[in-house]
Amino acid sequence: MKTFISVLIIALLSVTLARASFANEREHHHGQQQAAVTAEYACPMHPEVTGNKGDSCPKCGMFLEKQQQAGYHCPMHPEVTGKKGDSCPKCGMNLEPVAGQKHHHH
């Protein structure tokens, strides 16, 4: 009887560990897929916070807004994008045109 209980306990532990490992691997793979996709929505106040349509910023509660294709970005922090005349909130540098895009000067 003790052998049966020991085998049963080992079997239950094995199943539990296998399920936990599978769930962890699936979550890790999902996170990699999301990181590979360019974020389409970002917080207008915290551009480093990105997500999907309908999500809100955990810092300020604002809804994330659809990002425009970046015309300008910070040379030191390329993830910081904006329009002509904007400056980087991280370092204060003026944003510069993204390489490969045409900007007309009048």
PDB file of N, CA and C in Angstrom:
ATOM      1  N   MET A   1       0.819  -1.197   0.000  1.00  0.00           N
ATOM      2  CA  MET A   1       0.000   0.000   0.000  1.00  0.00           C
ATOM      3  C   MET A   1       0.866   1.265   0.000  1.00  0.00           C
ATOM      4  N   LYS A   2       1.960   1.251   0.783  1.00  0.00           N
ATOM      5  CA  LYS A   2       2.850   2.409   0.814  1.00  0.00           C
ATOM      6  C   LYS A   2       3.477   2.648  -0.560  1.00  0.00           C
ATOM      7  N   THR A   3       3.804   1.572  -1.264  1.00  0.00           N
ATOM      8  CA  THR A   3       4.391   1.704  -2.597  1.00  0.00           C
ATOM      9  C   THR A   3       3.395   2.358  -3.544  1.00  0.00           C
ATOM     10  N   PHE A   4       2.133   1.959  -3.482  1.00  0.00           N
ATOM     11  CA  PHE A   4       1.098   2.526  -4.342  1.00  0.00           C
ATOM     12  C   PHE A   4       0.945   4.025  -4.081  1.00  0.00           C
ATOM     13  N   ILE A   5       0.916   4.417  -2.827  1.00  0.00           N
ATOM     14  CA  ILE A   5       0.780   5.833  -2.469  1.00  0.00           C
ATOM     15  C   ILE A   5       2.005   6.614  -2.942  1.00  0.00           C
ATOM     16  N   SER A   6       3.191   6.050  -2.777  1.00  0.00           N
ATOM     17  CA  SER A   6       4.413   6.720  -3.229  1.00  0.00           C
ATOM     18  C   SER A   6       4.397   6.919  -4.739  1.00  0.00           C
ATOM     19  N   VAL A   7       3.993   5.889  -5.488  1.00  0.00           N
ATOM     20  CA  VAL A   7       3.920   5.989  -6.947  1.00  0.00           C
ATOM     21  C   VAL A   7       2.878   7.025  -7.343  1.00  0.00           C
ATOM     22  N   LEU A   8       1.747   7.052  -6.667  1.00  0.00           N
ATOM     23  CA  LEU A   8       0.688   8.010  -6.961  1.00  0.00           C
ATOM     24  C   LEU A   8       1.169   9.443  -6.709  1.00  0.00           C
ATOM     25  N   ILE A   9       1.855   9.671  -5.616  1.00  0.00           N
ATOM     26  CA  ILE A   9       2.372  11.004  -5.295  1.00  0.00           C
ATOM     27  C   ILE A   9       3.402  11.437  -6.339  1.00  0.00           C
ATOM     28  N   ILE A  10       4.302  10.543  -6.715  1.00  0.00           N
ATOM     29  CA  ILE A  10       5.310  10.870  -7.728  1.00  0.00           C
ATOM     30  C   ILE A  10       4.644  11.185  -9.063  1.00  0.00           C
ATOM     31  N   ALA A  11       3.622  10.425  -9.431  1.00  0.00           N
ATOM     32  CA  ALA A  11       2.912  10.661 -10.693  1.00  0.00           C
ATOM     33  C   ALA A  11       2.225  12.027 -10.672  1.00  0.00           C
ATOM     34  N   LEU A  12       1.570  12.363  -9.574  1.00  0.00           N
ATOM     35  CA  LEU A  12       0.895  13.656  -9.468  1.00  0.00           C
ATOM     36  C   LEU A  12       1.894  14.810  -9.524  1.00  0.00           C
ATOM     37  N   LEU A  13       3.017  14.664  -8.850  1.00  0.00           N
ATOM     38  CA  LEU A  13       4.048  15.700  -8.895  1.00  0.00           C
ATOM     39  C   LEU A  13       4.599  15.862 -10.310  1.00  0.00           C
ATOM     40  N   SER A  14       4.810  14.755 -10.997  1.00  0.00           N
ATOM     41  CA  SER A  14       5.323  14.812 -12.372  1.00  0.00           C
ATOM     42  C   SER A  14       4.358  15.539 -13.292  1.00  0.00           C
ATOM     43  N   VAL A  15       3.074  15.232 -13.180  1.00  0.00           N
ATOM     44  CA  VAL A  15       2.065  15.884 -14.014  1.00  0.00           C
ATOM     45  C   VAL A  15       2.007  17.374 -13.695  1.00  0.00           C
ATOM     46  N   THR A  16       2.041  17.721 -12.431  1.00  0.00           N
ATOM     47  CA  THR A  16       1.990  19.126 -12.023  1.00  0.00           C
ATOM     48  C   THR A  16       3.200  19.897 -12.554  1.00  0.00           C
ATOM     49  N   LEU A  17       4.384  19.332 -12.420  1.00  0.00           N
ATOM     50  CA  LEU A  17       5.593  19.992 -12.920  1.00  0.00           C
ATOM     51  C   LEU A  17       5.579  20.112 -14.441  1.00  0.00           C
ATOM     52  N   ALA A  18       5.101  19.099 -15.127  1.00  0.00           N
ATOM     53  CA  ALA A  18       5.037  19.143 -16.591  1.00  0.00           C
ATOM     54  C   ALA A  18       4.085  20.240 -17.053  1.00  0.00           C
ATOM     55  N   ARG A  19       2.937  20.367 -16.404  1.00  0.00           N
ATOM     56  CA  ARG A  19       1.972  21.411 -16.774  1.00  0.00           C
ATOM     57  C   ARG A  19       2.541  22.799 -16.513  1.00  0.00           C
ATOM     58  N   ALA A  20       3.214  22.971 -15.383  1.00  0.00           N
ATOM     59  CA  ALA A  20       3.803  24.271 -15.056  1.00  0.00           C
ATOM     60  C   ALA A  20       4.891  24.633 -16.064  1.00  0.00           C
ATOM     61  N   SER A  21       5.696  23.666 -16.440  1.00  0.00           N
ATOM     62  CA  SER A  21       6.755  23.904 -17.418  1.00  0.00           C
ATOM     63  C   SER A  21       6.172  24.276 -18.774  1.00  0.00           C
ATOM     64  N   PHE A  22       5.123  23.587 -19.199  1.00  0.00           N
ATOM     65  CA  PHE A  22       4.474  23.878 -20.477  1.00  0.00           C
ATOM     66  C   PHE A  22       3.883  25.283 -20.468  1.00  0.00           C
ATOM     67  N   ALA A  23       3.216  25.659 -19.389  1.00  0.00           N
ATOM     68  CA  ALA A  23       2.609  26.992 -19.297  1.00  0.00           C
ATOM     69  C   ALA A  23       3.684  28.072 -19.343  1.00  0.00           C
ATOM     70  N   ASN A  24       4.800  27.856 -18.656  1.00  0.00           N
ATOM     71  CA  ASN A  24       5.897  28.823 -18.650  1.00  0.00           C
ATOM     72  C   ASN A  24       6.504  28.956 -20.041  1.00  0.00           C
ATOM     73  N   GLU A  25       6.708  27.853 -20.745  1.00  0.00           N
ATOM     74  CA  GLU A  25       7.275  27.887 -22.093  1.00  0.00           C
ATOM     75  C   GLU A  25       6.332  28.599 -23.047  1.00  0.00           C
ATOM     76  N   ARG A  26       5.039  28.345 -22.919  1.00  0.00           N
ATOM     77  CA  ARG A  26       4.063  28.983 -23.793  1.00  0.00           C
ATOM     78  C   ARG A  26       4.045  30.493 -23.560  1.00  0.00           C
ATOM     79  N   GLU A  27       4.108  30.934 -22.312  1.00  0.00           N
ATOM     80  CA  GLU A  27       4.119  32.360 -21.989  1.00  0.00           C
ATOM     81  C   GLU A  27       5.395  33.007 -22.508  1.00  0.00           C
ATOM     82  N   HIS A  28       6.526  32.335 -22.371  1.00  0.00           N
ATOM     83  CA  HIS A  28       7.803  32.862 -22.862  1.00  0.00           C
ATOM     84  C   HIS A  28       7.752  33.036 -24.376  1.00  0.00           C
ATOM     85  N   HIS A  29       7.225  32.051 -25.084  1.00  0.00           N
ATOM     86  CA  HIS A  29       7.122  32.123 -26.544  1.00  0.00           C
ATOM     87  C   HIS A  29       6.187  33.254 -26.953  1.00  0.00           C
ATOM     88  N   HIS A  30       5.075  33.418 -26.249  1.00  0.00           N
ATOM     89  CA  HIS A  30       4.119  34.485 -26.549  1.00  0.00           C
ATOM     90  C   HIS A  30       4.776  35.851 -26.368  1.00  0.00           C
ATOM     91  N   GLY A  31       5.574  36.003 -25.324  1.00  0.00           N
ATOM     92  CA  GLY A  31       6.270  37.261 -25.075  1.00  0.00           C
ATOM     93  C   GLY A  31       7.259  37.588 -26.177  1.00  0.00           C
ATOM     94  N   GLN A  32       7.936  36.570 -26.710  1.00  0.00           N
ATOM     95  CA  GLN A  32       8.869  36.797 -27.803  1.00  0.00           C
ATOM     96  C   GLN A  32       8.132  37.244 -29.052  1.00  0.00           C
ATOM     97  N   GLN A  33       6.968  36.646 -29.328  1.00  0.00           N
ATOM     98  CA  GLN A  33       6.200  37.034 -30.501  1.00  0.00           C
ATOM     99  C   GLN A  33       5.753  38.484 -30.381  1.00  0.00           C
ATOM    100  N   GLN A  34       5.294  38.895 -29.216  1.00  0.00           N
ATOM    101  CA  GLN A  34       4.834  40.263 -29.044  1.00  0.00           C
ATOM    102  C   GLN A  34       5.980  41.257 -29.186  1.00  0.00           C
ATOM    103  N   ALA A  35       7.158  40.904 -28.701  1.00  0.00           N
ATOM    104  CA  ALA A  35       8.294  41.813 -28.801  1.00  0.00           C
ATOM    105  C   ALA A  35       8.724  42.011 -30.248  1.00  0.00           C
ATOM    106  N   ALA A  36       8.507  40.997 -31.090  1.00  0.00           N
ATOM    107  CA  ALA A  36       8.919  41.088 -32.487  1.00  0.00           C
ATOM    108  C   ALA A  36       7.979  41.971 -33.300  1.00  0.00           C
ATOM    109  N   VAL A  37       6.757  42.174 -32.820  1.00  0.00           N
ATOM    110  CA  VAL A  37       5.779  42.971 -33.548  1.00  0.00           C
ATOM    111  C   VAL A  37       5.957  44.438 -33.167  1.00  0.00           C
ATOM    112  N   THR A  38       5.982  45.314 -34.148  1.00  0.00           N
ATOM    113  CA  THR A  38       6.098  46.744 -33.872  1.00  0.00           C
ATOM    114  C   THR A  38       4.814  47.227 -33.212  1.00  0.00           C
ATOM    115  N   ALA A  39       4.964  47.939 -32.124  1.00  0.00           N
ATOM    116  CA  ALA A  39       3.795  48.422 -31.400  1.00  0.00           C
ATOM    117  C   ALA A  39       3.072  49.477 -32.225  1.00  0.00           C
ATOM    118  N   GLU A  40       1.757  49.322 -32.355  1.00  0.00           N
ATOM    119  CA  GLU A  40       0.962  50.287 -33.107  1.00  0.00           C
ATOM    120  C   GLU A  40       0.326  51.325 -32.194  1.00  0.00           C
ATOM    121  N   TYR A  41       0.195  51.019 -30.902  1.00  0.00           N
ATOM    122  CA  TYR A  41      -0.453  51.927 -29.963  1.00  0.00           C
ATOM    123  C   TYR A  41       0.507  52.268 -28.832  1.00  0.00           C
ATOM    124  N   ALA A  42       0.503  53.543 -28.410  1.00  0.00           N
ATOM    125  CA  ALA A  42       1.370  54.000 -27.328  1.00  0.00           C
ATOM    126  C   ALA A  42       0.650  55.080 -26.537  1.00  0.00           C
ATOM    127  N   CYS A  43       1.092  55.263 -25.295  1.00  0.00           N
ATOM    128  CA  CYS A  43       0.533  56.311 -24.447  1.00  0.00           C
ATOM    129  C   CYS A  43       1.037  57.665 -24.940  1.00  0.00           C
ATOM    130  N   PRO A  44       0.153  58.654 -25.085  1.00  0.00           N
ATOM    131  CA  PRO A  44       0.608  59.972 -25.530  1.00  0.00           C
ATOM    132  C   PRO A  44       1.514  60.667 -24.512  1.00  0.00           C
ATOM    133  N   MET A  45       1.403  60.308 -23.236  1.00  0.00           N
ATOM    134  CA  MET A  45       2.237  60.920 -22.204  1.00  0.00           C
ATOM    135  C   MET A  45       3.479  60.085 -21.886  1.00  0.00           C
ATOM    136  N   HIS A  46       3.411  58.783 -22.118  1.00  0.00           N
ATOM    137  CA  HIS A  46       4.505  57.859 -21.813  1.00  0.00           C
ATOM    138  C   HIS A  46       4.737  56.973 -23.040  1.00  0.00           C
ATOM    139  N   PRO A  47       5.433  57.472 -24.076  1.00  0.00           N
ATOM    140  CA  PRO A  47       5.564  56.734 -25.329  1.00  0.00           C
ATOM    141  C   PRO A  47       6.253  55.379 -25.199  1.00  0.00           C
ATOM    142  N   GLU A  48       6.945  55.151 -24.092  1.00  0.00           N
ATOM    143  CA  GLU A  48       7.573  53.850 -23.891  1.00  0.00           C
ATOM    144  C   GLU A  48       6.548  52.776 -23.535  1.00  0.00           C
ATOM    145  N   VAL A  49       5.336  53.201 -23.127  1.00  0.00           N
ATOM    146  CA  VAL A  49       4.254  52.263 -22.816  1.00  0.00           C
ATOM    147  C   VAL A  49       3.500  51.979 -24.106  1.00  0.00           C
ATOM    148  N   THR A  50       3.567  50.733 -24.557  1.00  0.00           N
ATOM    149  CA  THR A  50       2.906  50.347 -25.796  1.00  0.00           C
ATOM    150  C   THR A  50       1.940  49.202 -25.536  1.00  0.00           C
ATOM    151  N   GLY A  51       1.043  48.985 -26.480  1.00  0.00           N
ATOM    152  CA  GLY A  51       0.078  47.907 -26.333  1.00  0.00           C
ATOM    153  C   GLY A  51      -0.839  47.821 -27.525  1.00  0.00           C
ATOM    154  N   ASN A  52      -2.040  47.340 -27.276  1.00  0.00           N
ATOM    155  CA  ASN A  52      -3.028  47.124 -28.325  1.00  0.00           C
ATOM    156  C   ASN A  52      -4.165  48.127 -28.220  1.00  0.00           C
ATOM    157  N   LYS A  53      -4.979  48.171 -29.264  1.00  0.00           N
ATOM    158  CA  LYS A  53      -6.148  49.046 -29.289  1.00  0.00           C
ATOM    159  C   LYS A  53      -7.025  48.738 -28.079  1.00  0.00           C
ATOM    160  N   GLY A  54      -7.443  49.782 -27.372  1.00  0.00           N
ATOM    161  CA  GLY A  54      -8.298  49.611 -26.203  1.00  0.00           C
ATOM    162  C   GLY A  54      -7.546  49.501 -24.888  1.00  0.00           C
ATOM    163  N   ASP A  55      -6.217  49.307 -24.935  1.00  0.00           N
ATOM    164  CA  ASP A  55      -5.425  49.227 -23.710  1.00  0.00           C
ATOM    165  C   ASP A  55      -5.261  50.620 -23.113  1.00  0.00           C
ATOM    166  N   SER A  56      -4.972  50.665 -21.814  1.00  0.00           N
ATOM    167  CA  SER A  56      -4.705  51.947 -21.169  1.00  0.00           C
ATOM    168  C   SER A  56      -3.327  51.911 -20.518  1.00  0.00           C
ATOM    169  N   CYS A  57      -2.779  53.086 -20.300  1.00  0.00           N
ATOM    170  CA  CYS A  57      -1.451  53.227 -19.711  1.00  0.00           C
ATOM    171  C   CYS A  57      -1.516  52.916 -18.218  1.00  0.00           C
ATOM    172  N   PRO A  58      -0.646  52.034 -17.714  1.00  0.00           N
ATOM    173  CA  PRO A  58      -0.654  51.739 -16.283  1.00  0.00           C
ATOM    174  C   PRO A  58      -0.109  52.890 -15.437  1.00  0.00           C
ATOM    175  N   LYS A  59       0.583  53.835 -16.065  1.00  0.00           N
ATOM    176  CA  LYS A  59       1.153  54.960 -15.322  1.00  0.00           C
ATOM    177  C   LYS A  59       0.146  56.082 -15.107  1.00  0.00           C
ATOM    178  N   CYS A  60      -0.649  56.403 -16.155  1.00  0.00           N
ATOM    179  CA  CYS A  60      -1.549  57.555 -16.038  1.00  0.00           C
ATOM    180  C   CYS A  60      -3.011  57.226 -16.339  1.00  0.00           C
ATOM    181  N   GLY A  61      -3.268  56.030 -16.851  1.00  0.00           N
ATOM    182  CA  GLY A  61      -4.642  55.625 -17.116  1.00  0.00           C
ATOM    183  C   GLY A  61      -5.199  56.068 -18.457  1.00  0.00           C
ATOM    184  N   MET A  62      -4.430  56.849 -19.228  1.00  0.00           N
ATOM    185  CA  MET A  62      -4.916  57.294 -20.537  1.00  0.00           C
ATOM    186  C   MET A  62      -4.979  56.109 -21.495  1.00  0.00           C
ATOM    187  N   PHE A  63      -5.927  56.172 -22.439  1.00  0.00           N
ATOM    188  CA  PHE A  63      -5.996  55.145 -23.463  1.00  0.00           C
ATOM    189  C   PHE A  63      -4.813  55.301 -24.410  1.00  0.00           C
ATOM    190  N   LEU A  64      -4.274  54.174 -24.862  1.00  0.00           N
ATOM    191  CA  LEU A  64      -3.190  54.214 -25.826  1.00  0.00           C
ATOM    192  C   LEU A  64      -3.737  54.683 -27.164  1.00  0.00           C
ATOM    193  N   GLU A  65      -2.930  55.465 -27.885  1.00  0.00           N
ATOM    194  CA  GLU A  65      -3.347  56.019 -29.170  1.00  0.00           C
ATOM    195  C   GLU A  65      -2.524  55.403 -30.288  1.00  0.00           C
ATOM    196  N   LYS A  66      -3.140  55.305 -31.453  1.00  0.00           N
ATOM    197  CA  LYS A  66      -2.453  54.750 -32.616  1.00  0.00           C
ATOM    198  C   LYS A  66      -1.270  55.648 -32.962  1.00  0.00           C
ATOM    199  N   GLN A  67      -0.102  55.039 -33.138  1.00  0.00           N
ATOM    200  CA  GLN A  67       1.103  55.799 -33.445  1.00  0.00           C
ATOM    201  C   GLN A  67       1.132  56.146 -34.925  1.00  0.00           C
ATOM    202  N   GLN A  68       1.563  57.345 -35.205  1.00  0.00           N
ATOM    203  CA  GLN A  68       1.800  57.762 -36.582  1.00  0.00           C
ATOM    204  C   GLN A  68       3.182  57.253 -36.975  1.00  0.00           C
ATOM    205  N   GLN A  69       3.387  57.026 -38.263  1.00  0.00           N
ATOM    206  CA  GLN A  69       4.718  56.612 -38.689  1.00  0.00           C
ATOM    207  C   GLN A  69       5.690  57.727 -38.321  1.00  0.00           C
ATOM    208  N   ALA A  70       6.745  57.342 -37.663  1.00  0.00           N
ATOM    209  CA  ALA A  70       7.693  58.324 -37.139  1.00  0.00           C
ATOM    210  C   ALA A  70       8.384  59.082 -38.254  1.00  0.00           C
ATOM    211  N   GLY A  71       8.315  60.396 -38.171  1.00  0.00           N
ATOM    212  CA  GLY A  71       9.049  61.236 -39.095  1.00  0.00           C
ATOM    213  C   GLY A  71      10.335  61.724 -38.450  1.00  0.00           C
ATOM    214  N   TYR A  72      10.301  61.869 -37.135  1.00  0.00           N
ATOM    215  CA  TYR A  72      11.450  62.349 -36.380  1.00  0.00           C
ATOM    216  C   TYR A  72      11.662  61.447 -35.174  1.00  0.00           C
ATOM    217  N   HIS A  73      12.921  61.298 -34.763  1.00  0.00           N
ATOM    218  CA  HIS A  73      13.241  60.521 -33.569  1.00  0.00           C
ATOM    219  C   HIS A  73      14.469  61.108 -32.893  1.00  0.00           C
ATOM    220  N   CYS A  74      14.668  60.713 -31.648  1.00  0.00           N
ATOM    221  CA  CYS A  74      15.834  61.170 -30.892  1.00  0.00           C
ATOM    222  C   CYS A  74      17.062  60.388 -31.365  1.00  0.00           C
ATOM    223  N   PRO A  75      18.176  61.072 -31.649  1.00  0.00           N
ATOM    224  CA  PRO A  75      19.375  60.351 -32.076  1.00  0.00           C
ATOM    225  C   PRO A  75      19.968  59.471 -30.971  1.00  0.00           C
ATOM    226  N   MET A  76      19.691  59.797 -29.714  1.00  0.00           N
ATOM    227  CA  MET A  76      20.198  58.996 -28.597  1.00  0.00           C
ATOM    228  C   MET A  76      19.200  57.937 -28.136  1.00  0.00           C
ATOM    229  N   HIS A  77      17.926  58.177 -28.345  1.00  0.00           N
ATOM    230  CA  HIS A  77      16.848  57.276 -27.914  1.00  0.00           C
ATOM    231  C   HIS A  77      15.893  57.073 -29.089  1.00  0.00           C
ATOM    232  N   PRO A  78      16.241  56.208 -30.055  1.00  0.00           N
ATOM    233  CA  PRO A  78      15.438  56.074 -31.278  1.00  0.00           C
ATOM    234  C   PRO A  78      14.005  55.622 -31.040  1.00  0.00           C
ATOM    235  N   GLU A  79      13.717  55.081 -29.862  1.00  0.00           N
ATOM    236  CA  GLU A  79      12.334  54.693 -29.563  1.00  0.00           C
ATOM    237  C   GLU A  79      11.449  55.908 -29.313  1.00  0.00           C
ATOM    238  N   VAL A  80      12.072  57.073 -29.047  1.00  0.00           N
ATOM    239  CA  VAL A  80      11.329  58.314 -28.834  1.00  0.00           C
ATOM    240  C   VAL A  80      11.104  58.960 -30.195  1.00  0.00           C
ATOM    241  N   THR A  81       9.841  59.054 -30.586  1.00  0.00           N
ATOM    242  CA  THR A  81       9.507  59.613 -31.894  1.00  0.00           C
ATOM    243  C   THR A  81       8.589  60.808 -31.729  1.00  0.00           C
ATOM    244  N   GLY A  82       8.485  61.594 -32.781  1.00  0.00           N
ATOM    245  CA  GLY A  82       7.607  62.748 -32.738  1.00  0.00           C
ATOM    246  C   GLY A  82       7.607  63.474 -34.064  1.00  0.00           C
ATOM    247  N   LYS A  83       7.325  64.760 -33.980  1.00  0.00           N
ATOM    248  CA  LYS A  83       7.266  65.567 -35.201  1.00  0.00           C
ATOM    249  C   LYS A  83       8.332  66.658 -35.134  1.00  0.00           C
ATOM    250  N   LYS A  84       8.491  67.375 -36.235  1.00  0.00           N
ATOM    251  CA  LYS A  84       9.496  68.432 -36.321  1.00  0.00           C
ATOM    252  C   LYS A  84       9.284  69.446 -35.195  1.00  0.00           C
ATOM    253  N   GLY A  85      10.368  69.793 -34.502  1.00  0.00           N
ATOM    254  CA  GLY A  85      10.299  70.761 -33.415  1.00  0.00           C
ATOM    255  C   GLY A  85      10.163  70.137 -32.037  1.00  0.00           C
ATOM    256  N   ASP A  86       9.839  68.832 -31.968  1.00  0.00           N
ATOM    257  CA  ASP A  86       9.724  68.162 -30.670  1.00  0.00           C
ATOM    258  C   ASP A  86      11.115  67.888 -30.113  1.00  0.00           C
ATOM    259  N   SER A  87      11.180  67.707 -28.784  1.00  0.00           N
ATOM    260  CA  SER A  87      12.442  67.331 -28.153  1.00  0.00           C
ATOM    261  C   SER A  87      12.241  66.049 -27.355  1.00  0.00           C
ATOM    262  N   CYS A  88      13.330  65.361 -27.101  1.00  0.00           N
ATOM    263  CA  CYS A  88      13.304  64.089 -26.383  1.00  0.00           C
ATOM    264  C   CYS A  88      13.041  64.338 -24.902  1.00  0.00           C
ATOM    265  N   PRO A  89      12.041  63.665 -24.310  1.00  0.00           N
ATOM    266  CA  PRO A  89      11.775  63.845 -22.883  1.00  0.00           C
ATOM    267  C   PRO A  89      12.849  63.218 -21.996  1.00  0.00           C
ATOM    268  N   LYS A  90      13.680  62.344 -22.563  1.00  0.00           N
ATOM    269  CA  LYS A  90      14.716  61.678 -21.775  1.00  0.00           C
ATOM    270  C   LYS A  90      15.990  62.510 -21.669  1.00  0.00           C
ATOM    271  N   CYS A  91      16.396  63.147 -22.799  1.00  0.00           N
ATOM    272  CA  CYS A  91      17.675  63.861 -22.784  1.00  0.00           C
ATOM    273  C   CYS A  91      17.570  65.316 -23.224  1.00  0.00           C
ATOM    274  N   GLY A  92      16.403  65.714 -23.745  1.00  0.00           N
ATOM    275  CA  GLY A  92      16.209  67.097 -24.143  1.00  0.00           C
ATOM    276  C   GLY A  92      16.704  67.455 -25.536  1.00  0.00           C
ATOM    277  N   MET A  93      17.317  66.499 -26.241  1.00  0.00           N
ATOM    278  CA  MET A  93      17.808  66.787 -27.595  1.00  0.00           C
ATOM    279  C   MET A  93      16.639  66.995 -28.547  1.00  0.00           C
ATOM    280  N   ASN A  94      16.860  67.827 -29.578  1.00  0.00           N
ATOM    281  CA  ASN A  94      15.850  67.999 -30.616  1.00  0.00           C
ATOM    282  C   ASN A  94      15.752  66.718 -31.431  1.00  0.00           C
ATOM    283  N   LEU A  95      14.525  66.347 -31.805  1.00  0.00           N
ATOM    284  CA  LEU A  95      14.340  65.169 -32.633  1.00  0.00           C
ATOM    285  C   LEU A  95      14.838  65.462 -34.039  1.00  0.00           C
ATOM    286  N   GLU A  96      15.402  64.446 -34.680  1.00  0.00           N
ATOM    287  CA  GLU A  96      15.954  64.572 -36.023  1.00  0.00           C
ATOM    288  C   GLU A  96      15.174  63.697 -36.989  1.00  0.00           C
ATOM    289  N   PRO A  97      15.196  64.044 -38.292  1.00  0.00           N
ATOM    290  CA  PRO A  97      14.472  63.226 -39.273  1.00  0.00           C
ATOM    291  C   PRO A  97      14.964  61.780 -39.257  1.00  0.00           C
ATOM    292  N   VAL A  98      14.017  60.851 -39.396  1.00  0.00           N
ATOM    293  CA  VAL A  98      14.369  59.439 -39.481  1.00  0.00           C
ATOM    294  C   VAL A  98      15.064  59.218 -40.816  1.00  0.00           C
ATOM    295  N   ALA A  99      16.168  58.491 -40.817  1.00  0.00           N
ATOM    296  CA  ALA A  99      16.930  58.236 -42.047  1.00  0.00           C
ATOM    297  C   ALA A  99      16.038  57.576 -43.085  1.00  0.00           C
ATOM    298  N   GLY A 100      16.192  58.011 -44.323  1.00  0.00           N
ATOM    299  CA  GLY A 100      15.437  57.412 -45.417  1.00  0.00           C
ATOM    300  C   GLY A 100      14.129  58.104 -45.712  1.00  0.00           C
ATOM    301  N   GLN A 101      13.714  59.070 -44.885  1.00  0.00           N
ATOM    302  CA  GLN A 101      12.476  59.797 -45.150  1.00  0.00           C
ATOM    303  C   GLN A 101      12.819  61.178 -45.681  1.00  0.00           C
ATOM    304  N   LYS A 102      12.042  61.636 -46.633  1.00  0.00           N
ATOM    305  CA  LYS A 102      12.275  62.945 -47.240  1.00  0.00           C
ATOM    306  C   LYS A 102      11.529  64.013 -46.454  1.00  0.00           C
ATOM    307  N   HIS A 103      12.240  65.077 -46.121  1.00  0.00           N
ATOM    308  CA  HIS A 103      11.629  66.216 -45.441  1.00  0.00           C
ATOM    309  C   HIS A 103      11.998  67.460 -46.222  1.00  0.00           C
ATOM    310  N   HIS A 104      10.996  68.221 -46.598  1.00  0.00           N
ATOM    311  CA  HIS A 104      11.225  69.420 -47.388  1.00  0.00           C
ATOM    312  C   HIS A 104      11.426  70.611 -46.465  1.00  0.00           C
ATOM    313  N   HIS A 105      12.444  71.399 -46.749  1.00  0.00           N
ATOM    314  CA  HIS A 105      12.697  72.606 -45.968  1.00  0.00           C
ATOM    315  C   HIS A 105      12.234  73.802 -46.784  1.00  0.00           C
ATOM    316  N   HIS A 106      11.440  74.679 -46.203  1.00  0.00           N
ATOM    317  CA  HIS A 106      10.917  75.852 -46.914  1.00  0.00           C
ATOM    318  C   HIS A 106      11.563  77.096 -46.396  1.00  0.00           C
TER     319      HIS A 106
END
